Amino acid sequence: MNCLRLLETLDVIGCAGICISTESSQLLQNSLLILQTENHFRKCYYWGRIDGIQNDYHIAYGYEKDCMSGQVYYYSTDCMNWLLLPKATKCGRFLSPLAINRFEGDPFIVMNVYNVNPPFPPNEDPKIYYDGPIPRELKEEDRLAATVELITEDAAVIPRGAWFKCPNGDVIENPSFEGLCALDASCLKSYLHARLPKEKWNTNLLSRPDYNYALDFLDSVDMDVPQGCWDLQFLLGGRLAILHSLYWHGMTFFHKLDSPHHGFLYVGHGKKNLDLPFML
């Protein structure tokens, strides 16, 4: 959610049951405005909060030019001082899904993810899962970076038309986006993943009769498996669309219909609900 409208947005998304204290929200808005100015970001966003035992991690990001591939992430434990979040490492991506303990809240602590043997099926070559010496220890800062990357890949969402792909390949926020109407907002095809597309362009081309590559270059959430992994609701008399990810409890997307106001927020413990296919 845009830091310039953070307080207003928190009031809106509170209808979905997500609350951040008044003190924290005031600190966040002021510190994010400073972060945006110091780094010369075109826009700065509050990504959300990952709960820890000792401290919680607040995550923010900004960009200078390209709103998709130019994102730079930061984290804070006090809502005031922001540290650069490192890029997710190969080790972090491999070990983070295996970590079952909650985040401690200390970015410099190193944890042993598993005690004796790597969690691979017996009689299988470990190189299928990891090329090189199998790691065991993971720094919490690296786990945080990998978790934020994974949640963003799976569950960060924008409405169709909010981003525009320029002829030179840059992705910018669409200045002419006026929001989804009630009919479009009721269809999951109108919500797109806010990351590089994984489907081929011709797959997306065949997905809708009014295809426009400048707007439909991203993957829509209706193609996610299993069916039912997204929960779409309408609040405030149908004027507010709320989209919940059932894989990542705490990830919530909101959109005020017929307006450009939209965003997402994650508030949770950073663990994926792997039981979802058995719950549907």
C-alpha atoms as a PDB file:
ATOM      1  CA  MET A   1       0.000   0.000   0.000  1.00  0.00           C
ATOM      2  CA  ASN A   2       1.223   3.474  -0.923  1.00  0.00           C
ATOM      3  CA  CYS A   3       2.897   5.227   2.002  1.00  0.00           C
ATOM      4  CA  LEU A   4       1.233   8.522   1.060  1.00  0.00           C
ATOM      5  CA  ARG A   5      -2.180   6.972   1.734  1.00  0.00           C
ATOM      6  CA  LEU A   6      -1.166   4.575   4.476  1.00  0.00           C
ATOM      7  CA  LEU A   7      -3.502   5.829   7.216  1.00  0.00           C
ATOM      8  CA  GLU A   8      -6.481   6.024   4.860  1.00  0.00           C
ATOM      9  CA  THR A   9      -5.750   2.564   3.477  1.00  0.00           C
ATOM     10  CA  LEU A  10      -5.424   0.985   6.919  1.00  0.00           C
ATOM     11  CA  ASP A  11      -8.907   2.281   7.744  1.00  0.00           C
ATOM     12  CA  VAL A  12     -10.259   0.732   4.552  1.00  0.00           C
ATOM     13  CA  ILE A  13      -8.544  -2.634   4.963  1.00  0.00           C
ATOM     14  CA  GLY A  14      -9.658  -2.733   8.604  1.00  0.00           C
ATOM     15  CA  CYS A  15     -13.035  -3.805   7.229  1.00  0.00           C
ATOM     16  CA  ALA A  16     -11.360  -7.131   6.397  1.00  0.00           C
ATOM     17  CA  GLY A  17     -10.262  -7.588  10.007  1.00  0.00           C
ATOM     18  CA  ILE A  18      -6.624  -6.481   9.587  1.00  0.00           C
ATOM     19  CA  CYS A  19      -5.532  -3.943  12.182  1.00  0.00           C
ATOM     20  CA  ILE A  20      -2.279  -2.103  12.898  1.00  0.00           C
ATOM     21  CA  SER A  21      -2.019   0.081  15.984  1.00  0.00           C
ATOM     22  CA  THR A  22      -2.394   3.849  15.625  1.00  0.00           C
ATOM     23  CA  GLU A  23       1.102   4.432  17.020  1.00  0.00           C
ATOM     24  CA  SER A  24       2.720   2.002  14.577  1.00  0.00           C
ATOM     25  CA  SER A  25       0.786   3.364  11.594  1.00  0.00           C
ATOM     26  CA  GLN A  26       1.850   6.942  12.369  1.00  0.00           C
ATOM     27  CA  LEU A  27       5.493   5.888  12.756  1.00  0.00           C
ATOM     28  CA  LEU A  28       5.329   3.882   9.539  1.00  0.00           C
ATOM     29  CA  GLN A  29       3.911   6.692   7.453  1.00  0.00           C
ATOM     30  CA  ASN A  30       6.488   9.228   8.659  1.00  0.00           C
ATOM     31  CA  SER A  31       9.479   6.899   8.337  1.00  0.00           C
ATOM     32  CA  LEU A  32       8.421   5.629   4.900  1.00  0.00           C
ATOM     33  CA  LEU A  33       8.128   9.183   3.602  1.00  0.00           C
ATOM     34  CA  ILE A  34      11.711   9.759   4.775  1.00  0.00           C
ATOM     35  CA  LEU A  35      12.800   6.461   3.192  1.00  0.00           C
ATOM     36  CA  GLN A  36      11.209   7.489  -0.116  1.00  0.00           C
ATOM     37  CA  THR A  37      12.919  10.888  -0.075  1.00  0.00           C
ATOM     38  CA  GLU A  38      16.357   9.607   0.894  1.00  0.00           C
ATOM     39  CA  ASN A  39      16.386   6.930  -1.816  1.00  0.00           C
ATOM     40  CA  HIS A  40      14.771   9.089  -4.517  1.00  0.00           C
ATOM     41  CA  PHE A  41      11.998   6.564  -5.030  1.00  0.00           C
ATOM     42  CA  ARG A  42       9.154   7.495  -7.329  1.00  0.00           C
ATOM     43  CA  LYS A  43       6.843   5.668  -4.938  1.00  0.00           C
ATOM     44  CA  CYS A  44       7.260   3.769  -1.684  1.00  0.00           C
ATOM     45  CA  TYR A  45       4.962   1.044  -0.344  1.00  0.00           C
ATOM     46  CA  TYR A  46       4.320  -0.742   2.916  1.00  0.00           C
ATOM     47  CA  TRP A  47       4.407  -4.464   2.100  1.00  0.00           C
ATOM     48  CA  GLY A  48       3.335  -5.797   5.490  1.00  0.00           C
ATOM     49  CA  ARG A  49       4.488  -7.419   8.704  1.00  0.00           C
ATOM     50  CA  ILE A  50       5.936 -10.832   9.530  1.00  0.00           C
ATOM     51  CA  ASP A  51       5.387 -11.661  13.179  1.00  0.00           C
ATOM     52  CA  GLY A  52       8.302 -12.827  15.309  1.00  0.00           C
ATOM     53  CA  ILE A  53       8.758 -13.961  18.886  1.00  0.00           C
ATOM     54  CA  GLN A  54      10.987 -11.122  20.092  1.00  0.00           C
ATOM     55  CA  ASN A  55      10.276  -8.540  17.387  1.00  0.00           C
ATOM     56  CA  ASP A  56       8.118  -8.211  14.304  1.00  0.00           C
ATOM     57  CA  TYR A  57       9.550  -7.474  10.868  1.00  0.00           C
ATOM     58  CA  HIS A  58       7.956  -4.611   8.968  1.00  0.00           C
ATOM     59  CA  ILE A  59       8.638  -4.781   5.239  1.00  0.00           C
ATOM     60  CA  ALA A  60       8.580  -1.925   2.726  1.00  0.00           C
ATOM     61  CA  TYR A  61       9.725  -1.425  -0.844  1.00  0.00           C
ATOM     62  CA  GLY A  62      10.138   1.340  -3.374  1.00  0.00           C
ATOM     63  CA  TYR A  63      11.138   1.803  -6.984  1.00  0.00           C
ATOM     64  CA  GLU A  64      12.673   4.518  -9.144  1.00  0.00           C
ATOM     65  CA  LYS A  65      11.534   3.627 -12.656  1.00  0.00           C
ATOM     66  CA  ASP A  66      10.212   0.093 -13.272  1.00  0.00           C
ATOM     67  CA  CYS A  67       7.481  -0.779 -10.775  1.00  0.00           C
ATOM     68  CA  MET A  68       7.892  -4.541 -11.271  1.00  0.00           C
ATOM     69  CA  SER A  69      11.582  -5.376 -11.733  1.00  0.00           C
ATOM     70  CA  GLY A  70      12.975  -2.257 -10.036  1.00  0.00           C
ATOM     71  CA  GLN A  71      11.644  -2.919  -6.542  1.00  0.00           C
ATOM     72  CA  VAL A  72      14.080  -2.483  -3.623  1.00  0.00           C
ATOM     73  CA  TYR A  73      13.047  -3.994  -0.284  1.00  0.00           C
ATOM     74  CA  TYR A  74      13.747  -2.850   3.278  1.00  0.00           C
ATOM     75  CA  TYR A  75      12.886  -4.185   6.713  1.00  0.00           C
ATOM     76  CA  SER A  76      12.527  -2.669  10.181  1.00  0.00           C
ATOM     77  CA  THR A  77      11.833  -3.944  13.683  1.00  0.00           C
ATOM     78  CA  ASP A  78      10.856  -0.561  15.192  1.00  0.00           C
ATOM     79  CA  CYS A  79       8.930   1.117  12.319  1.00  0.00           C
ATOM     80  CA  MET A  80      11.537   3.894  12.196  1.00  0.00           C
ATOM     81  CA  ASN A  81      14.961   2.576  11.153  1.00  0.00           C
ATOM     82  CA  TRP A  82      15.016   0.732   7.828  1.00  0.00           C
ATOM     83  CA  LEU A  83      17.680  -1.723   6.718  1.00  0.00           C
ATOM     84  CA  LEU A  84      18.208  -2.958   3.176  1.00  0.00           C
ATOM     85  CA  LEU A  85      16.769  -6.450   2.750  1.00  0.00           C
ATOM     86  CA  PRO A  86      19.325  -8.594   0.887  1.00  0.00           C
ATOM     87  CA  LYS A  87      18.424 -10.512  -2.235  1.00  0.00           C
ATOM     88  CA  ALA A  88      17.151 -14.027  -1.577  1.00  0.00           C
ATOM     89  CA  THR A  89      20.002 -16.535  -1.805  1.00  0.00           C
ATOM     90  CA  LYS A  90      19.915 -20.040  -3.242  1.00  0.00           C
ATOM     91  CA  CYS A  91      20.437 -21.447   0.250  1.00  0.00           C
ATOM     92  CA  GLY A  92      17.668 -19.258   1.661  1.00  0.00           C
ATOM     93  CA  ARG A  93      15.173 -20.346  -0.993  1.00  0.00           C
ATOM     94  CA  PHE A  94      15.991 -23.992  -0.307  1.00  0.00           C
ATOM     95  CA  LEU A  95      15.929 -23.944   3.500  1.00  0.00           C
ATOM     96  CA  SER A  96      13.167 -21.404   4.242  1.00  0.00           C
ATOM     97  CA  PRO A  97      10.262 -23.752   3.354  1.00  0.00           C
ATOM     98  CA  LEU A  98      11.854 -26.400   5.596  1.00  0.00           C
ATOM     99  CA  ALA A  99      12.064 -24.139   8.668  1.00  0.00           C
ATOM    100  CA  ILE A 100       9.184 -24.980  10.992  1.00  0.00           C
ATOM    101  CA  ASN A 101       9.985 -22.590  13.849  1.00  0.00           C
ATOM    102  CA  ARG A 102       8.591 -19.074  13.991  1.00  0.00           C
ATOM    103  CA  PHE A 103      10.788 -16.105  13.252  1.00  0.00           C
ATOM    104  CA  GLU A 104      12.704 -14.983  16.333  1.00  0.00           C
ATOM    105  CA  GLY A 105      12.861 -11.305  15.426  1.00  0.00           C
ATOM    106  CA  ASP A 106      16.673 -11.127  15.401  1.00  0.00           C
ATOM    107  CA  PRO A 107      17.954 -10.840  11.812  1.00  0.00           C
ATOM    108  CA  PHE A 108      21.476 -11.962  12.743  1.00  0.00           C
ATOM    109  CA  ILE A 109      20.600 -15.200  14.527  1.00  0.00           C
ATOM    110  CA  VAL A 110      21.605 -18.431  12.744  1.00  0.00           C
ATOM    111  CA  MET A 111      19.358 -21.451  13.096  1.00  0.00           C
ATOM    112  CA  ASN A 112      19.868 -25.134  12.373  1.00  0.00           C
ATOM    113  CA  VAL A 113      16.972 -26.068  10.110  1.00  0.00           C
ATOM    114  CA  TYR A 114      17.249 -29.827  10.544  1.00  0.00           C
ATOM    115  CA  ASN A 115      19.291 -31.871  13.001  1.00  0.00           C
ATOM    116  CA  VAL A 116      20.664 -35.056  11.433  1.00  0.00           C
ATOM    117  CA  ASN A 117      19.732 -35.983   7.868  1.00  0.00           C
ATOM    118  CA  PRO A 118      18.489 -33.749   5.066  1.00  0.00           C
ATOM    119  CA  PRO A 119      14.708 -34.058   4.627  1.00  0.00           C
ATOM    120  CA  PHE A 120      14.897 -35.997   1.371  1.00  0.00           C
ATOM    121  CA  PRO A 121      13.186 -39.275   0.536  1.00  0.00           C
ATOM    122  CA  PRO A 122      15.584 -42.212   0.933  1.00  0.00           C
ATOM    123  CA  ASN A 123      17.342 -43.671  -2.111  1.00  0.00           C
ATOM    124  CA  GLU A 124      17.066 -40.390  -4.052  1.00  0.00           C
ATOM    125  CA  ASP A 125      19.928 -38.270  -5.307  1.00  0.00           C
ATOM    126  CA  PRO A 126      20.069 -35.022  -3.256  1.00  0.00           C
ATOM    127  CA  LYS A 127      21.238 -33.149  -6.360  1.00  0.00           C
ATOM    128  CA  ILE A 128      17.655 -33.360  -7.593  1.00  0.00           C
ATOM    129  CA  TYR A 129      16.779 -30.902  -4.832  1.00  0.00           C
ATOM    130  CA  TYR A 130      20.021 -28.964  -4.327  1.00  0.00           C
ATOM    131  CA  ASP A 131      23.110 -28.796  -6.509  1.00  0.00           C
ATOM    132  CA  GLY A 132      26.141 -28.731  -4.209  1.00  0.00           C
ATOM    133  CA  PRO A 133      26.826 -29.442  -0.540  1.00  0.00           C
ATOM    134  CA  ILE A 134      23.519 -29.674   1.306  1.00  0.00           C
ATOM    135  CA  PRO A 135      23.232 -26.639   3.643  1.00  0.00           C
ATOM    136  CA  ARG A 136      21.876 -26.920   7.146  1.00  0.00           C
ATOM    137  CA  GLU A 137      22.259 -23.534   8.833  1.00  0.00           C
ATOM    138  CA  LEU A 138      20.264 -20.481   7.816  1.00  0.00           C
ATOM    139  CA  LYS A 139      20.611 -16.872   8.898  1.00  0.00           C
ATOM    140  CA  GLU A 140      17.261 -15.353   9.801  1.00  0.00           C
ATOM    141  CA  GLU A 141      17.865 -12.329   7.567  1.00  0.00           C
ATOM    142  CA  ASP A 142      18.278 -14.683   4.592  1.00  0.00           C
ATOM    143  CA  ARG A 143      15.157 -16.574   5.621  1.00  0.00           C
ATOM    144  CA  LEU A 144      13.249 -13.286   5.794  1.00  0.00           C
ATOM    145  CA  ALA A 145      14.404 -12.300   2.299  1.00  0.00           C
ATOM    146  CA  ALA A 146      13.421 -15.681   0.845  1.00  0.00           C
ATOM    147  CA  THR A 147      10.033 -15.630   2.593  1.00  0.00           C
ATOM    148  CA  VAL A 148       9.191 -12.139   1.348  1.00  0.00           C
ATOM    149  CA  GLU A 149      10.189 -13.154  -2.168  1.00  0.00           C
ATOM    150  CA  LEU A 150       8.075 -16.312  -2.025  1.00  0.00           C
ATOM    151  CA  ILE A 151       4.978 -14.540  -0.686  1.00  0.00           C
ATOM    152  CA  THR A 152       5.307 -11.821  -3.310  1.00  0.00           C
ATOM    153  CA  GLU A 153       5.686 -14.420  -6.068  1.00  0.00           C
ATOM    154  CA  ASP A 154       2.628 -16.366  -4.930  1.00  0.00           C
ATOM    155  CA  ALA A 155       0.222 -13.806  -3.553  1.00  0.00           C
ATOM    156  CA  ALA A 156       0.991 -10.169  -4.460  1.00  0.00           C
ATOM    157  CA  VAL A 157      -1.889  -9.003  -6.673  1.00  0.00           C
ATOM    158  CA  ILE A 158      -2.898  -5.980  -8.745  1.00  0.00           C
ATOM    159  CA  PRO A 159      -6.158  -5.335 -10.633  1.00  0.00           C
ATOM    160  CA  ARG A 160      -6.158  -5.640 -14.420  1.00  0.00           C
ATOM    161  CA  GLY A 161      -5.070  -2.360 -15.980  1.00  0.00           C
ATOM    162  CA  ALA A 162      -3.174  -1.016 -12.985  1.00  0.00           C
ATOM    163  CA  TRP A 163       0.200  -1.658 -14.668  1.00  0.00           C
ATOM    164  CA  PHE A 164       1.112  -0.789 -18.238  1.00  0.00           C
ATOM    165  CA  LYS A 165       3.933  -2.329 -20.267  1.00  0.00           C
ATOM    166  CA  CYS A 166       5.724   0.229 -22.440  1.00  0.00           C
ATOM    167  CA  PRO A 167       7.103  -0.615 -25.904  1.00  0.00           C
ATOM    168  CA  ASN A 168      10.663  -0.523 -24.480  1.00  0.00           C
ATOM    169  CA  GLY A 169       9.753  -3.218 -21.918  1.00  0.00           C
ATOM    170  CA  ASP A 170       9.467  -0.985 -18.842  1.00  0.00           C
ATOM    171  CA  VAL A 171       6.468  -1.564 -16.596  1.00  0.00           C
ATOM    172  CA  ILE A 172       4.883   1.561 -15.165  1.00  0.00           C
ATOM    173  CA  GLU A 173       1.780   2.340 -13.162  1.00  0.00           C
ATOM    174  CA  ASN A 174      -1.040   3.126 -15.549  1.00  0.00           C
ATOM    175  CA  PRO A 175      -1.959   6.820 -15.101  1.00  0.00           C
ATOM    176  CA  SER A 176      -5.315   6.279 -16.848  1.00  0.00           C
ATOM    177  CA  PHE A 177      -6.423   3.379 -14.628  1.00  0.00           C
ATOM    178  CA  GLU A 178      -9.813   4.259 -13.153  1.00  0.00           C
ATOM    179  CA  GLY A 179     -10.565   1.019 -11.358  1.00  0.00           C
ATOM    180  CA  LEU A 180     -12.628  -2.079 -12.007  1.00  0.00           C
ATOM    181  CA  CYS A 181     -16.386  -1.990 -12.403  1.00  0.00           C
ATOM    182  CA  ALA A 182     -18.582  -4.306 -10.357  1.00  0.00           C
ATOM    183  CA  LEU A 183     -18.891  -6.838 -13.188  1.00  0.00           C
ATOM    184  CA  ASP A 184     -15.131  -7.096 -13.800  1.00  0.00           C
ATOM    185  CA  ALA A 185     -14.332  -7.114 -10.088  1.00  0.00           C
ATOM    186  CA  SER A 186     -16.508 -10.197  -9.572  1.00  0.00           C
ATOM    187  CA  CYS A 187     -14.275 -12.245 -11.914  1.00  0.00           C
ATOM    188  CA  LEU A 188     -10.945 -13.685 -10.738  1.00  0.00           C
ATOM    189  CA  LYS A 189      -9.563 -13.148 -14.248  1.00  0.00           C
ATOM    190  CA  SER A 190      -9.436  -9.411 -13.427  1.00  0.00           C
ATOM    191  CA  TYR A 191      -6.750  -9.901 -10.757  1.00  0.00           C
ATOM    192  CA  LEU A 192      -3.147 -10.385 -11.857  1.00  0.00           C
ATOM    193  CA  HIS A 193       0.044 -11.552 -10.149  1.00  0.00           C
ATOM    194  CA  ALA A 194       2.398  -8.620  -9.506  1.00  0.00           C
ATOM    195  CA  ARG A 195       5.540 -10.419 -10.704  1.00  0.00           C
ATOM    196  CA  LEU A 196       7.171 -11.622 -13.878  1.00  0.00           C
ATOM    197  CA  PRO A 197       4.766 -13.856 -15.821  1.00  0.00           C
ATOM    198  CA  LYS A 198       5.365 -17.589 -15.784  1.00  0.00           C
ATOM    199  CA  GLU A 199       2.895 -18.460 -18.526  1.00  0.00           C
ATOM    200  CA  LYS A 200       3.737 -17.901 -22.184  1.00  0.00           C
ATOM    201  CA  TRP A 201       2.264 -14.771 -23.732  1.00  0.00           C
ATOM    202  CA  ASN A 202       0.097 -16.783 -26.130  1.00  0.00           C
ATOM    203  CA  THR A 203      -1.415 -18.673 -23.185  1.00  0.00           C
ATOM    204  CA  ASN A 204      -2.597 -15.391 -21.709  1.00  0.00           C
ATOM    205  CA  LEU A 205      -3.624 -14.223 -25.190  1.00  0.00           C
ATOM    206  CA  LEU A 206      -6.151 -17.038 -25.466  1.00  0.00           C
ATOM    207  CA  SER A 207      -7.528 -16.479 -21.970  1.00  0.00           C
ATOM    208  CA  ARG A 208      -9.817 -13.543 -22.842  1.00  0.00           C
ATOM    209  CA  PRO A 209     -11.434 -12.186 -26.038  1.00  0.00           C
ATOM    210  CA  ASP A 210     -10.539  -8.528 -25.255  1.00  0.00           C
ATOM    211  CA  TYR A 211      -6.839  -9.266 -24.760  1.00  0.00           C
ATOM    212  CA  ASN A 212      -4.481  -6.262 -24.719  1.00  0.00           C
ATOM    213  CA  TYR A 213      -0.820  -7.203 -24.327  1.00  0.00           C
ATOM    214  CA  ALA A 214       0.099  -3.865 -22.725  1.00  0.00           C
ATOM    215  CA  LEU A 215      -2.341  -4.673 -19.901  1.00  0.00           C
ATOM    216  CA  ASP A 216      -2.551  -8.488 -19.946  1.00  0.00           C
ATOM    217  CA  PHE A 217       1.136  -9.403 -19.935  1.00  0.00           C
ATOM    218  CA  LEU A 218       0.830 -10.787 -16.387  1.00  0.00           C
ATOM    219  CA  ASP A 219      -0.643 -14.083 -15.159  1.00  0.00           C
ATOM    220  CA  SER A 220      -4.158 -13.978 -13.729  1.00  0.00           C
ATOM    221  CA  VAL A 221      -4.922 -15.612 -10.389  1.00  0.00           C
ATOM    222  CA  ASP A 222      -7.767 -17.688 -11.840  1.00  0.00           C
ATOM    223  CA  MET A 223      -5.102 -19.975 -13.347  1.00  0.00           C
ATOM    224  CA  ASP A 224      -3.646 -20.848  -9.924  1.00  0.00           C
ATOM    225  CA  VAL A 225      -4.006 -24.384  -8.654  1.00  0.00           C
ATOM    226  CA  PRO A 226      -5.860 -25.796  -6.918  1.00  0.00           C
ATOM    227  CA  GLN A 227      -9.099 -24.064  -7.796  1.00  0.00           C
ATOM    228  CA  GLY A 228     -10.406 -22.301  -4.734  1.00  0.00           C
ATOM    229  CA  CYS A 229      -7.050 -21.086  -3.402  1.00  0.00           C
ATOM    230  CA  TRP A 230      -8.366 -17.499  -3.543  1.00  0.00           C
ATOM    231  CA  ASP A 231     -11.344 -16.150  -1.625  1.00  0.00           C
ATOM    232  CA  LEU A 232     -13.088 -13.119  -3.165  1.00  0.00           C
ATOM    233  CA  GLN A 233     -15.460 -11.054  -1.029  1.00  0.00           C
ATOM    234  CA  PHE A 234     -17.274  -7.725  -1.342  1.00  0.00           C
ATOM    235  CA  LEU A 235     -17.745  -5.349   1.571  1.00  0.00           C
ATOM    236  CA  LEU A 236     -19.153  -1.858   2.173  1.00  0.00           C
ATOM    237  CA  GLY A 237     -22.227  -2.539   0.099  1.00  0.00           C
ATOM    238  CA  GLY A 238     -20.251  -4.055  -2.760  1.00  0.00           C
ATOM    239  CA  ARG A 239     -17.944  -1.021  -3.138  1.00  0.00           C
ATOM    240  CA  LEU A 240     -14.846  -2.770  -1.766  1.00  0.00           C
ATOM    241  CA  ALA A 241     -13.379  -5.980  -3.206  1.00  0.00           C
ATOM    242  CA  ILE A 242     -11.293  -8.106  -0.839  1.00  0.00           C
ATOM    243  CA  LEU A 243      -9.174 -11.004  -2.107  1.00  0.00           C
ATOM    244  CA  HIS A 244      -7.646 -13.411   0.429  1.00  0.00           C
ATOM    245  CA  SER A 245      -4.906 -15.898  -0.342  1.00  0.00           C
ATOM    246  CA  LEU A 246      -5.678 -19.235   1.314  1.00  0.00           C
ATOM    247  CA  TYR A 247      -2.112 -20.431   0.746  1.00  0.00           C
ATOM    248  CA  TRP A 248      -0.656 -17.475   2.641  1.00  0.00           C
ATOM    249  CA  HIS A 249      -2.961 -16.651   5.527  1.00  0.00           C
ATOM    250  CA  GLY A 250      -2.686 -12.939   6.190  1.00  0.00           C
ATOM    251  CA  MET A 251      -2.145 -11.809   2.599  1.00  0.00           C
ATOM    252  CA  THR A 252      -5.056  -9.547   1.670  1.00  0.00           C
ATOM    253  CA  PHE A 253      -5.640  -7.559  -1.510  1.00  0.00           C
ATOM    254  CA  PHE A 254      -8.192  -4.740  -1.586  1.00  0.00           C
ATOM    255  CA  HIS A 255      -9.661  -2.559  -4.320  1.00  0.00           C
ATOM    256  CA  LYS A 256     -12.196   0.250  -4.097  1.00  0.00           C
ATOM    257  CA  LEU A 257     -14.388  -0.274  -7.139  1.00  0.00           C
ATOM    258  CA  ASP A 258     -14.496   2.453  -9.804  1.00  0.00           C
ATOM    259  CA  SER A 259     -11.426   4.129  -8.321  1.00  0.00           C
ATOM    260  CA  PRO A 260      -7.657   3.645  -8.784  1.00  0.00           C
ATOM    261  CA  HIS A 261      -7.245   2.896  -5.058  1.00  0.00           C
ATOM    262  CA  HIS A 262      -5.926  -0.635  -4.539  1.00  0.00           C
ATOM    263  CA  GLY A 263      -3.136  -2.484  -2.740  1.00  0.00           C
ATOM    264  CA  PHE A 264      -2.175  -5.527  -0.721  1.00  0.00           C
ATOM    265  CA  LEU A 265      -0.934  -6.160   2.792  1.00  0.00           C
ATOM    266  CA  TYR A 266       0.521  -9.221   4.470  1.00  0.00           C
ATOM    267  CA  VAL A 267       0.241  -9.708   8.223  1.00  0.00           C
ATOM    268  CA  GLY A 268       1.189 -13.180   9.390  1.00  0.00           C
ATOM    269  CA  HIS A 269       3.856 -15.572  10.623  1.00  0.00           C
ATOM    270  CA  GLY A 270       5.440 -16.252   7.226  1.00  0.00           C
ATOM    271  CA  LYS A 271       4.451 -19.915   6.846  1.00  0.00           C
ATOM    272  CA  LYS A 272       2.643 -21.327   3.840  1.00  0.00           C
ATOM    273  CA  ASN A 273      -0.506 -23.392   4.305  1.00  0.00           C
ATOM    274  CA  LEU A 274       0.635 -26.594   2.604  1.00  0.00           C
ATOM    275  CA  ASP A 275      -2.506 -28.414   3.761  1.00  0.00           C
ATOM    276  CA  LEU A 276      -4.762 -26.327   1.514  1.00  0.00           C
ATOM    277  CA  PRO A 277      -5.186 -28.976  -1.268  1.00  0.00           C
ATOM    278  CA  PHE A 278      -6.561 -31.378   1.360  1.00  0.00           C
ATOM    279  CA  MET A 279      -8.865 -28.726   2.857  1.00  0.00           C
ATOM    280  CA  LEU A 280     -10.728 -27.803  -0.330  1.00  0.00           C
END
